[in-house]
């Protein structure tokens, strides 16, 4: 399910009875983008879920780089035997605890490329930036102060249209500092470099600026209520309680399919096991 952003803005303005004020409408759009961004970051919404394969056979102690637009991870699984990796911080591991684990970290406190000369028009995919002298095709770029990440399909081309305001001689960041690396460990706490993994994650949404763009949530009612509640002008016209927002949010979450991966029985070392025909009642992890 998805909803045109323009319809949501109209609903908000109608509820606040302020639809004739252009300044209010601009503020509604800005507030809606922020609330939408926060909502997408907080939960694994079905429409934002992605899958990618990452080859770890040549991985080093620095791990492998993750997409910049990754919000969070649903699951990590080895391809050959379907063993899962579980995210745990170094301090969380007990000496006697077994199992394969994963950690994420920010590889750098700075973007790989930064400039102050980006120019891009509404609806464009090609931008100007003379300072971007290196081709970072396949990386993500952030445009000035706009929410969202744009995949570079060529040196100065993004893979989808930019619908925000004209940016003229503004700042950009390629592979911004929030980009993370992933490191995997086996059950002996050694770096895992055995195979390719399947990474299941959810990403940042395409940001909405125009009425024809879509909010890709199963229900947008809680977003409308959050935006209305943020406007002092609306308190007397359409009061909104936090409880009403939470009820609408839970309704949206209830419509959102849960993420799942096929599970198989595991031994203490998180390796798959099966019952043999000769000994159907054998102990887990014992040959």
Foldseek 3Di string as FASTA:
>chain_A
DKAQPLVLLVVLCVLLVNVVDPVVSVVLQVLLLVLLQVLLLVDPFPVQKDKDKDAQQPPDPQAAWDAPFFSDFDWKAFDPQGFTADADDPVPDDPPAFEKYKYKDQPDQFFPDKFQAWWDAAFAFFIDDVRLPDWPQQWWKDWAPDDDIFGHNTSGGTPGTHHDHTDGRGMMGTRGRSTMGMWMAARVRHTDNDTMMMTMTGGGDDGDDDRRDISPFQDCVLSSLVSLCVDPSRCVSRNHDPVNSVVRVVVRVVVGDDDDDDDADAASNSGHDAADPVGNPDDGPDD
